[in-house]
């Protein structure tokens, strides 16, 4: 009877499982998988409207496809970059890169400080091997050439071991460390940054308060108390266009600014020339026109007066907008469009043929009824829900003209340009910029760096044996070995 022995496999235990999980997480393969997952996870953020950027589009999505929208919202599809699953991928990638790159960096620095490996006994097994008879000064000339070409040396009795090319691995590590710095910059911006937008018409002033913004998003660890104090007043906006192609050549917003210290300055904002207030940048993002109108009731009392920003629809600044008069009885709404240079197209109707104010005209239809402002549902300032309203008139006006209708009148006083200011505070952008530059330098170093080792050994009979080893670019090694051998053989007056 044959006895059988059983081998018991010890349990891995909690500690062993944790070490295994850490090794798997901090492997380069896992980091690459997480980086690919992060790119894939960002795709829904570009395909679906995001609540932080376009809440009106999200609301329309719920109105048009309520069932699908609810499931998308549960999965965080309308807040992709703030969702738990996106943050989990981001944090795991951050940890994976740190755990993968930092130990390699320490090992690399240790290897850079170590001496080159000892000269092998059998050099003939290596690449670019050659043997020739020396003249007694071979090691001295070899050492001189190697030092001149920045090799690290290990000098032994009768042999020299030389090594060069750690810049390749250094560039590779620099690239991955720079990715960590970029992630740190993005994290700092997400935690402590802010982004907002505000439309101001010529003559109006923007004050950096939360209530002055049309849209405002804070970082996770910031709020309205972190806003620094300043104001921007738009004095004039000038747009320059090519008269042949209508292509914009230049935009200039002439403003008066007052900073935290109360210093007043006259400045100009251009598309690529923002204003700076501390850590905040104020950019000129877009422009359009604001018709200034006055609406009166049937006895002449003013029920609405002011400039109304209209939203451009094409490069010639044909714009749409709405004028809402909730104080009128019944409530009035003007579904409107504005053209800076009017022309009539047989198919499209009123169009603009040039972006400047050559022949401005305000076109509108007048509706009365319930504007729906008390329902609690957010509305676009550029549109009117006419479901509970009745159209009572349709007309157009040039600046300075009035139109009377049943229940009152509307006067198109004038038109002024508006600009959209984008205010951004991103304290982490400098880290990301430095990380991006260093990543590019590291990538170049890793692509063009060549690591190689050279050896020379002289025996007691005067026979010289040389060999080399390269991890990449063996052709370049052969050329370098030819120069090395030529330098060793060199004697006064001949080679």
Protein backbone atom coordinates (compact mmCIF):
# COMPACT_ATOMS: atom_id res chain seq x y z
CA UNK A 1 0.00 0.00 0.00
CA UNK A 2 1.44 3.33 -1.14
CA UNK A 3 1.01 6.18 1.26
CA UNK A 4 0.17 9.57 -0.18
CA UNK A 5 1.32 12.78 1.46
CA UNK A 6 -0.63 15.98 1.15
CA UNK A 7 1.05 19.35 1.05
CA UNK A 8 -0.76 22.00 2.98
CA UNK A 9 -0.70 25.45 1.43
CA UNK A 10 -0.55 28.13 4.10
CA UNK A 11 -3.24 30.77 4.09
CA UNK A 12 -2.18 34.06 2.62
CA UNK A 13 -3.64 36.06 5.48
CA UNK A 14 -4.84 39.66 5.56
CA UNK A 15 -1.34 41.10 5.43
CA UNK A 16 -0.32 38.99 2.47
CA UNK A 17 -3.54 39.85 0.65
CA UNK A 18 -2.93 43.55 1.26
CA UNK A 19 0.64 43.29 -0.07
CA UNK A 20 -0.58 41.41 -3.15
CA UNK A 21 -3.28 44.03 -3.80
CA UNK A 22 -0.73 46.84 -3.38
CA UNK A 23 1.70 45.21 -5.82
CA UNK A 24 -1.08 44.79 -8.37
CA UNK A 25 -2.31 48.38 -7.95
CA UNK A 26 1.17 49.89 -8.24
CA UNK A 27 2.22 47.96 -11.33
CA UNK A 28 2.76 49.85 -14.55
CA UNK A 29 0.19 47.67 -16.30
CA UNK A 30 -2.48 48.72 -13.80
CA UNK A 31 -1.50 52.40 -14.20
CA UNK A 32 -1.89 52.15 -17.98
CA UNK A 33 -5.27 50.41 -17.61
CA UNK A 34 -6.47 53.12 -15.22
CA UNK A 35 -5.25 55.85 -17.57
CA UNK A 36 -7.22 54.26 -20.41
CA UNK A 37 -10.27 53.94 -18.14
CA UNK A 38 -10.00 57.63 -17.21
CA UNK A 39 -10.03 58.58 -20.88
CA UNK A 40 -13.06 56.37 -21.54
CA UNK A 41 -14.84 57.71 -18.45
CA UNK A 42 -14.45 61.27 -19.73
CA UNK A 43 -16.34 60.48 -22.96
CA UNK A 44 -19.86 60.77 -21.43
CA UNK A 45 -18.88 64.22 -20.13
CA UNK A 46 -18.38 65.41 -23.71
CA UNK A 47 -21.47 63.69 -25.13
CA UNK A 48 -24.02 64.52 -22.43
CA UNK A 49 -24.88 68.03 -21.17
CA UNK A 50 -23.28 68.69 -17.80
CA UNK A 51 -25.28 70.28 -15.00
CA UNK A 52 -22.40 72.54 -13.97
CA UNK A 53 -21.99 73.95 -17.49
CA UNK A 54 -25.43 73.88 -19.10
CA UNK A 55 -28.27 73.27 -16.62
CA UNK A 56 -30.88 74.37 -19.17
CA UNK A 57 -29.83 71.62 -21.57
CA UNK A 58 -30.05 69.09 -18.72
CA UNK A 59 -33.57 70.29 -17.92
CA UNK A 60 -34.56 69.93 -21.58
CA UNK A 61 -33.11 66.40 -21.57
CA UNK A 62 -35.38 65.54 -18.62
CA UNK A 63 -38.34 67.12 -20.41
CA UNK A 64 -37.75 65.25 -23.68
CA UNK A 65 -36.63 61.85 -22.33
CA UNK A 66 -37.61 61.67 -18.65
CA UNK A 67 -37.09 57.92 -18.13
CA UNK A 68 -33.67 57.81 -19.76
CA UNK A 69 -32.63 61.05 -18.05
CA UNK A 70 -33.42 59.64 -14.60
CA UNK A 71 -31.19 56.60 -15.19
CA UNK A 72 -28.41 58.79 -16.57
CA UNK A 73 -28.69 61.08 -13.57
CA UNK A 74 -28.51 58.14 -11.15
CA UNK A 75 -25.29 57.05 -12.84
CA UNK A 76 -23.85 60.56 -12.57
CA UNK A 77 -23.98 61.15 -16.31
CA UNK A 78 -24.93 64.81 -15.94
CA UNK A 79 -22.13 65.41 -13.40
CA UNK A 80 -19.45 63.12 -14.81
CA UNK A 81 -16.38 64.88 -13.45
CA UNK A 82 -17.88 65.18 -9.97
CA UNK A 83 -19.24 61.63 -9.84
CA UNK A 84 -17.99 59.05 -7.38
CA UNK A 85 -16.92 56.56 -10.06
CA UNK A 86 -14.89 59.14 -11.99
CA UNK A 87 -13.24 60.29 -8.76
CA UNK A 88 -12.48 56.67 -7.85
CA UNK A 89 -10.66 56.08 -11.17
CA UNK A 90 -8.81 59.36 -10.76
CA UNK A 91 -7.69 58.61 -7.20
CA UNK A 92 -6.67 55.04 -8.02
CA UNK A 93 -4.61 56.30 -10.98
CA UNK A 94 -2.97 58.85 -8.70
CA UNK A 95 -2.06 56.20 -6.11
CA UNK A 96 -0.95 53.73 -8.79
CA UNK A 97 1.41 56.22 -10.39
CA UNK A 98 2.92 57.24 -7.06
CA UNK A 99 3.36 53.64 -5.91
CA UNK A 100 4.83 52.62 -9.26
CA UNK A 101 7.13 55.54 -10.04
CA UNK A 102 8.55 56.60 -6.68
CA UNK A 103 10.23 53.24 -5.82
CA UNK A 104 11.65 53.09 -9.36
CA UNK A 105 12.98 56.63 -8.94
CA UNK A 106 14.80 55.78 -5.71
CA UNK A 107 16.28 52.64 -7.28
CA UNK A 108 17.33 54.62 -10.34
CA UNK A 109 19.15 57.27 -8.29
CA UNK A 110 20.87 54.49 -6.33
CA UNK A 111 21.97 52.83 -9.58
CA UNK A 112 23.25 56.14 -10.97
CA UNK A 113 25.55 56.55 -7.97
CA UNK A 114 26.86 52.99 -8.15
CA UNK A 115 29.98 52.02 -10.06
CA UNK A 116 29.64 50.35 -13.46
CA UNK A 117 29.60 46.54 -13.41
CA UNK A 118 32.86 44.62 -13.23
CA UNK A 119 34.49 43.75 -16.56
CA UNK A 120 33.20 40.32 -17.68
CA UNK A 121 35.65 37.47 -18.12
CA UNK A 122 34.41 36.53 -21.59
CA UNK A 123 34.15 39.74 -23.61
CA UNK A 124 33.94 37.81 -26.87
CA UNK A 125 30.31 36.97 -26.10
CA UNK A 126 29.32 40.63 -26.22
CA UNK A 127 28.47 42.93 -29.12
CA UNK A 128 31.09 44.87 -31.11
CA UNK A 129 33.92 42.71 -29.79
CA UNK A 130 37.40 43.19 -31.20
CA UNK A 131 40.97 42.17 -30.33
CA UNK A 132 44.21 43.84 -31.32
CA UNK A 133 47.79 44.20 -30.10
CA UNK A 134 48.46 47.25 -27.97
CA UNK A 135 51.52 49.33 -27.26
CA UNK A 136 51.40 49.71 -23.50
CA UNK A 137 49.42 52.97 -23.30
CA UNK A 138 46.05 51.58 -24.27
CA UNK A 139 44.34 51.94 -20.89
CA UNK A 140 45.54 55.54 -20.47
CA UNK A 141 44.18 56.56 -23.89
CA UNK A 142 40.94 54.64 -23.27
CA UNK A 143 40.41 56.36 -19.93
CA UNK A 144 41.05 59.78 -21.47
CA UNK A 145 38.54 59.17 -24.28
CA UNK A 146 35.90 57.75 -21.96
CA UNK A 147 36.13 60.66 -19.54
CA UNK A 148 35.98 63.12 -22.44
CA UNK A 149 32.73 61.47 -23.60
CA UNK A 150 31.23 61.57 -20.08
CA UNK A 151 31.29 57.88 -19.26
CA UNK A 152 31.25 56.70 -15.64
CA UNK A 153 34.28 54.50 -14.99
CA UNK A 154 35.34 51.56 -12.86
CA UNK A 155 39.12 51.17 -13.19
CA UNK A 156 40.62 47.81 -12.26
CA UNK A 157 43.96 46.13 -12.73
CA UNK A 158 44.30 45.67 -16.46
CA UNK A 159 40.72 46.69 -17.37
CA UNK A 160 38.22 49.55 -17.44
CA UNK A 161 34.46 49.24 -17.24
CA UNK A 162 32.49 52.28 -18.51
CA UNK A 163 28.81 53.09 -18.55
CA UNK A 164 26.71 55.92 -19.99
CA UNK A 165 23.10 56.68 -20.94
CA UNK A 166 21.13 56.87 -17.70
CA UNK A 167 19.39 59.88 -19.24
CA UNK A 168 17.03 57.48 -21.01
CA UNK A 169 15.70 55.96 -17.81
CA UNK A 170 15.84 59.38 -16.14
CA UNK A 171 13.64 60.79 -18.90
CA UNK A 172 11.21 57.91 -18.55
CA UNK A 173 10.91 58.48 -14.80
CA UNK A 174 10.69 62.25 -15.28
CA UNK A 175 7.80 61.73 -17.68
CA UNK A 176 5.84 59.66 -15.16
CA UNK A 177 6.68 61.94 -12.24
CA UNK A 178 5.43 64.84 -14.36
CA UNK A 179 2.13 63.03 -14.87
CA UNK A 180 1.79 62.95 -11.09
CA UNK A 181 2.50 66.69 -10.97
CA UNK A 182 -0.17 67.28 -13.62
CA UNK A 183 -2.67 65.26 -11.58
CA UNK A 184 -1.74 67.30 -8.49
CA UNK A 185 -2.37 70.50 -10.46
CA UNK A 186 -5.76 69.26 -11.64
CA UNK A 187 -6.64 68.23 -8.06
CA UNK A 188 -5.65 71.61 -6.60
CA UNK A 189 -7.72 73.36 -9.25
CA UNK A 190 -10.74 71.13 -8.58
CA UNK A 191 -10.49 71.69 -4.83
CA UNK A 192 -9.58 75.38 -4.60
CA UNK A 193 -10.50 76.86 -8.00
CA UNK A 194 -13.61 78.51 -9.38
CA UNK A 195 -15.07 79.33 -12.78
CA UNK A 196 -17.87 81.69 -13.66
CA UNK A 197 -19.33 83.77 -16.45
CA UNK A 198 -21.09 87.12 -16.61
CA UNK A 199 -22.58 89.19 -19.43
CA UNK A 200 -22.21 92.96 -19.15
CA UNK A 201 -23.55 95.54 -21.59
CA UNK A 202 -21.69 98.72 -22.45
CA UNK A 203 -22.04 101.13 -19.53
CA UNK A 204 -22.63 98.38 -16.97
CA UNK A 205 -20.31 97.31 -14.17
CA UNK A 206 -19.42 93.81 -13.02
CA UNK A 207 -18.59 93.45 -9.32
CA UNK A 208 -16.93 90.22 -8.24
CA UNK A 209 -19.75 88.97 -6.02
CA UNK A 210 -21.60 85.68 -6.30
CA UNK A 211 -24.84 87.50 -7.17
CA UNK A 212 -23.21 89.21 -10.18
CA UNK A 213 -22.49 85.98 -12.04
CA UNK A 214 -24.75 84.40 -14.62
CA UNK A 215 -23.07 81.04 -13.93
CA UNK A 216 -20.68 80.16 -11.12
CA UNK A 217 -18.98 76.93 -10.07
CA UNK A 218 -16.78 76.64 -6.98
CA UNK A 219 -14.19 74.02 -6.13
CA UNK A 220 -14.90 71.42 -3.48
CA UNK A 221 -13.20 73.44 -0.72
CA UNK A 222 -14.16 76.98 -1.77
CA UNK A 223 -17.27 79.14 -1.62
CA UNK A 224 -18.38 82.73 -2.21
CA UNK A 225 -16.24 83.97 0.70
CA UNK A 226 -13.10 83.12 -1.31
CA UNK A 227 -13.89 85.66 -4.05
CA UNK A 228 -11.46 88.56 -4.11
CA UNK A 229 -12.88 92.07 -4.48
CA UNK A 230 -12.68 93.96 -7.77
CA UNK A 231 -14.96 95.51 -10.37
CA UNK A 232 -14.93 95.87 -14.16
CA UNK A 233 -16.93 98.55 -16.00
CA UNK A 234 -17.36 98.21 -19.77
CA UNK A 235 -16.86 101.60 -21.39
CA UNK A 236 -16.65 100.58 -25.04
CA UNK A 237 -16.39 97.47 -27.17
CA UNK A 238 -14.83 97.53 -30.62
CA UNK A 239 -14.98 94.64 -33.06
CA UNK A 240 -12.98 94.74 -36.29
CA UNK A 241 -14.01 92.58 -39.25
CA UNK A 242 -12.72 91.83 -42.71
CA UNK A 243 -15.11 93.68 -45.07
CA UNK A 244 -14.77 90.96 -47.73
CA UNK A 245 -15.12 87.77 -45.69
CA UNK A 246 -16.81 89.19 -42.54
CA UNK A 247 -14.16 87.28 -40.59
CA UNK A 248 -13.34 88.86 -37.18
CA UNK A 249 -9.89 90.44 -37.05
CA UNK A 250 -9.81 91.82 -33.52
CA UNK A 251 -11.97 92.32 -30.44
CA UNK A 252 -11.16 94.98 -27.84
CA UNK A 253 -13.09 95.75 -24.67
CA UNK A 254 -12.12 99.07 -23.08
CA UNK A 255 -12.83 98.85 -19.36
CA UNK A 256 -12.29 100.65 -16.08
CA UNK A 257 -11.16 98.38 -13.25
CA UNK A 258 -10.93 98.88 -9.50
CA UNK A 259 -8.90 96.36 -7.50
CA UNK A 260 -8.95 95.36 -3.82
CA UNK A 261 -6.76 98.32 -2.84
CA UNK A 262 -9.10 100.76 -4.58
CA UNK A 263 -6.71 101.47 -7.46
CA UNK A 264 -8.59 102.54 -10.60
CA UNK A 265 -7.12 101.77 -14.02
CA UNK A 266 -8.14 102.06 -17.66
CA UNK A 267 -7.42 98.73 -19.36
CA UNK A 268 -8.15 96.80 -22.53
CA UNK A 269 -9.25 93.15 -22.64
CA UNK A 270 -8.56 91.16 -25.78
CA UNK A 271 -9.26 87.54 -26.62
CA UNK A 272 -5.76 86.38 -25.70
CA UNK A 273 -4.99 89.18 -23.25
CA UNK A 274 -6.99 88.70 -20.01
CA UNK A 275 -7.04 90.84 -16.89
CA UNK A 276 -5.43 89.51 -13.72
CA UNK A 277 -6.69 90.08 -10.18
CA UNK A 278 -4.66 88.00 -7.73
CA UNK A 279 -5.21 84.36 -8.72
CA UNK A 280 -8.20 85.24 -10.93
CA UNK A 281 -8.08 85.76 -14.67
CA UNK A 282 -10.81 87.66 -16.53
CA UNK A 283 -11.12 86.58 -20.17
CA UNK A 284 -13.07 88.08 -23.05
CA UNK A 285 -15.02 85.06 -24.24
CA UNK A 286 -17.87 86.25 -26.51
CA UNK A 287 -19.80 89.29 -27.62
CA UNK A 288 -23.15 90.32 -29.02
CA UNK A 289 -25.76 93.07 -28.92
CA UNK A 290 -28.27 94.28 -26.33
CA UNK A 291 -31.26 96.23 -27.66
CA UNK A 292 -32.37 98.91 -25.18
CA UNK A 293 -36.19 99.03 -25.12
CA UNK A 294 -38.93 100.78 -23.19
CA UNK A 295 -42.36 99.17 -22.76
CA UNK A 296 -45.33 101.28 -21.62
CA UNK A 297 -48.89 100.35 -20.75
CA UNK A 298 -51.98 101.86 -22.38
CA UNK A 299 -51.88 104.97 -20.16
CA UNK A 300 -48.16 105.59 -20.72
CA UNK A 301 -46.65 104.17 -17.52
CA UNK A 302 -43.29 102.45 -17.99
CA UNK A 303 -43.59 98.72 -17.22
CA UNK A 304 -40.15 97.73 -18.49
CA UNK A 305 -37.01 99.62 -19.48
CA UNK A 306 -33.49 98.36 -20.01
CA UNK A 307 -30.95 96.62 -22.19
CA UNK A 308 -31.71 92.98 -23.04
CA UNK A 309 -28.79 90.76 -24.17
CA UNK A 310 -29.57 88.77 -27.31
CA UNK A 311 -27.85 85.47 -28.17
CA UNK A 312 -25.90 85.41 -31.51
CA UNK A 313 -26.86 82.65 -33.94
CA UNK A 314 -24.26 83.08 -36.67
CA UNK A 315 -21.02 84.87 -37.52
CA UNK A 316 -22.94 87.94 -38.71
CA UNK A 317 -24.47 88.22 -35.21
CA UNK A 318 -28.07 87.57 -36.13
CA UNK A 319 -29.41 87.14 -32.60
CA UNK A 320 -32.46 85.88 -30.74
CA UNK A 321 -33.81 87.04 -27.42
CA UNK A 322 -36.89 87.65 -25.36
CA UNK A 323 -38.30 90.66 -23.55
CA UNK A 324 -40.41 89.62 -20.57
CA UNK A 325 -42.74 92.12 -18.87
CA UNK A 326 -44.28 90.40 -15.82
CA UNK A 327 -45.44 93.76 -14.36
CA UNK A 328 -47.88 94.30 -17.23
CA UNK A 329 -51.54 93.29 -16.89
CA UNK A 330 -51.87 90.81 -18.51
CA UNK A 331 -48.23 89.78 -18.66
CA UNK A 332 -46.43 90.51 -21.92
CA UNK A 333 -43.67 88.69 -23.77
CA UNK A 334 -41.79 89.79 -26.88
CA UNK A 335 -40.33 86.88 -28.83
CA UNK A 336 -37.61 88.75 -30.68
CA UNK A 337 -34.67 88.63 -33.04
CA UNK A 338 -32.12 91.29 -33.84
CA UNK A 339 -30.00 91.86 -36.94
CA UNK A 340 -27.17 94.43 -36.94
CA UNK A 341 -27.20 94.82 -40.75
CA UNK A 342 -30.68 94.02 -42.03
CA UNK A 343 -31.45 92.32 -45.30
CA UNK A 344 -34.41 90.26 -46.42
CA UNK A 345 -33.81 86.76 -47.79
CA UNK A 346 -36.65 85.14 -49.82
CA UNK A 347 -36.27 81.80 -48.03
CA UNK A 348 -34.85 82.70 -44.59
CA UNK A 349 -36.56 86.02 -44.01
CA UNK A 350 -34.65 88.65 -42.03
CA UNK A 351 -30.90 88.03 -41.99
CA UNK A 352 -27.77 89.97 -41.10
CA UNK A 353 -25.16 90.42 -43.81
CA UNK A 354 -22.47 92.10 -41.66
CA UNK A 355 -21.64 91.95 -37.92
CA UNK A 356 -21.44 95.73 -37.37
CA UNK A 357 -24.38 98.08 -36.76
CA UNK A 358 -24.94 99.35 -40.31
CA UNK A 359 -28.73 98.91 -40.47
CA UNK A 360 -29.93 97.47 -37.13
CA UNK A 361 -33.47 96.23 -36.79
CA UNK A 362 -35.44 94.59 -33.96
CA UNK A 363 -38.08 92.08 -35.05
CA UNK A 364 -40.64 90.79 -32.57
CA UNK A 365 -43.96 89.11 -32.00
CA UNK A 366 -45.99 90.23 -28.97
CA UNK A 367 -47.66 87.70 -26.71
CA UNK A 368 -49.93 88.22 -23.73
CA UNK A 369 -50.93 85.81 -20.99
CA UNK A 370 -48.98 83.87 -18.33
CA UNK A 371 -45.17 83.92 -18.69
CA UNK A 372 -44.88 80.97 -16.29
CA UNK A 373 -42.34 82.73 -14.06
CA UNK A 374 -44.07 81.58 -10.86
CA UNK A 375 -43.95 77.84 -11.58
CA UNK A 376 -40.51 77.39 -9.99
CA UNK A 377 -39.15 75.84 -13.18
CA UNK A 378 -35.98 77.59 -14.46
CA UNK A 379 -36.38 79.39 -17.79
CA UNK A 380 -33.94 80.58 -20.39
CA UNK A 381 -33.59 84.34 -20.57
CA UNK A 382 -33.49 84.05 -24.36
CA UNK A 383 -36.78 82.16 -24.80
CA UNK A 384 -40.43 82.50 -23.77
CA UNK A 385 -42.80 79.62 -23.08
CA UNK A 386 -45.86 80.70 -25.04
CA UNK A 387 -47.99 77.68 -24.06
CA UNK A 388 -50.33 79.80 -21.95
CA UNK A 389 -50.11 82.95 -24.07
CA UNK A 390 -51.76 84.45 -27.14
CA UNK A 391 -50.02 86.35 -29.91
CA UNK A 392 -51.49 89.79 -30.41
CA UNK A 393 -49.05 91.54 -32.79
CA UNK A 394 -46.07 91.16 -35.10
CA UNK A 395 -43.73 93.93 -36.30
CA UNK A 396 -40.16 95.30 -36.46
CA UNK A 397 -38.44 98.52 -35.39
CA UNK A 398 -35.34 100.53 -36.18
CA UNK A 399 -33.55 102.41 -33.35
CA UNK A 400 -35.53 105.41 -32.13
CA UNK A 401 -38.87 104.09 -33.41
CA UNK A 402 -41.96 102.98 -31.47
CA UNK A 403 -44.81 100.57 -32.07
CA UNK A 404 -48.23 100.77 -30.41
CA UNK A 405 -50.37 97.72 -29.76
CA UNK A 406 -53.48 96.85 -27.82
CA UNK A 407 -52.54 97.46 -24.22
CA UNK A 408 -49.44 99.64 -24.68
CA UNK A 409 -46.36 100.39 -26.78
CA UNK A 410 -42.72 99.41 -27.22
CA UNK A 411 -39.88 101.78 -28.14
CA UNK A 412 -36.56 100.59 -29.51
CA UNK A 413 -34.34 103.26 -27.95
CA UNK A 414 -30.85 102.14 -29.03
CA UNK A 415 -28.55 99.14 -29.16
CA UNK A 416 -25.32 98.54 -27.23
CA UNK A 417 -22.67 95.78 -27.51
CA UNK A 418 -22.31 93.27 -24.69
CA UNK A 419 -19.40 91.03 -23.78
CA UNK A 420 -19.25 87.78 -21.89
CA UNK A 421 -16.54 87.69 -19.23
CA UNK A 422 -15.18 84.32 -18.17
CA UNK A 423 -13.64 84.51 -14.72
CA UNK A 424 -11.32 81.65 -13.81
CA UNK A 425 -9.28 81.01 -10.69
CA UNK A 426 -7.13 77.90 -11.02
CA UNK A 427 -4.35 77.80 -8.42
CA UNK A 428 -3.19 74.42 -9.74
CA UNK A 429 -2.57 75.47 -13.35
CA UNK A 430 1.07 76.41 -12.69
CA UNK A 431 1.71 72.87 -11.40
CA UNK A 432 0.04 71.40 -14.48
CA UNK A 433 2.01 73.70 -16.78
CA UNK A 434 5.32 72.78 -15.17
CA UNK A 435 4.31 69.11 -15.23
CA UNK A 436 3.45 69.32 -18.93
CA UNK A 437 6.80 70.93 -19.81
CA UNK A 438 8.74 68.41 -17.74
CA UNK A 439 6.76 65.53 -19.25
CA UNK A 440 7.70 66.70 -22.74
CA UNK A 441 11.37 66.99 -21.78
CA UNK A 442 11.28 63.57 -20.15
CA UNK A 443 9.66 62.06 -23.23
CA UNK A 444 12.33 63.55 -25.50
CA UNK A 445 15.08 62.27 -23.20
CA UNK A 446 13.61 58.78 -23.11
CA UNK A 447 13.27 58.70 -26.91
CA UNK A 448 16.71 59.98 -27.84
CA UNK A 449 18.81 58.78 -24.91
CA UNK A 450 21.03 55.73 -25.50
CA UNK A 451 22.28 53.52 -22.73
CA UNK A 452 25.48 51.57 -23.37
CA UNK A 453 28.42 49.94 -21.65
CA UNK A 454 32.00 49.66 -22.91
CA UNK A 455 34.83 47.49 -21.64
CA UNK A 456 38.56 47.31 -22.35
CA UNK A 457 40.89 44.64 -21.02
CA UNK A 458 44.64 44.32 -21.52
CA UNK A 459 46.36 41.03 -20.65
CA UNK A 460 50.00 40.45 -19.66
CA UNK A 461 51.04 39.80 -23.26
CA UNK A 462 49.83 43.23 -24.40
CA UNK A 463 46.75 41.95 -26.20
CA UNK A 464 43.85 44.47 -26.05
CA UNK A 465 40.28 43.26 -25.96
CA UNK A 466 37.31 45.65 -26.24
CA UNK A 467 33.55 45.05 -26.28
CA UNK A 468 30.32 46.96 -25.90
CA UNK A 469 26.70 46.43 -24.97
CA UNK A 470 23.68 48.57 -25.87
CA UNK A 471 20.06 48.19 -24.78
CA UNK A 472 18.89 50.16 -27.84
CA UNK A 473 20.29 51.39 -31.12
CA UNK A 474 22.94 48.75 -31.80
CA UNK A 475 23.96 50.54 -35.04
CA UNK A 476 25.02 53.61 -33.05
CA UNK A 477 27.02 51.32 -30.74
CA UNK A 478 29.07 50.02 -33.66
CA UNK A 479 29.93 53.58 -34.71
CA UNK A 480 30.86 54.52 -31.15
CA UNK A 481 33.00 51.39 -30.76
CA UNK A 482 34.84 52.28 -33.97
CA UNK A 483 35.70 55.72 -32.54
CA UNK A 484 36.69 54.10 -29.23
CA UNK A 485 39.05 51.61 -30.89
CA UNK A 486 40.48 54.35 -33.10
CA UNK A 487 41.23 56.50 -30.06
CA UNK A 488 42.96 53.59 -28.28
CA UNK A 489 45.15 52.73 -31.29
CA UNK A 490 46.15 56.37 -31.80
CA UNK A 491 49.87 57.09 -31.43
CA UNK A 492 51.78 60.24 -32.16
CA UNK A 493 51.68 60.95 -35.87
CA UNK A 494 49.47 57.97 -36.83
CA UNK A 495 46.29 56.12 -36.11
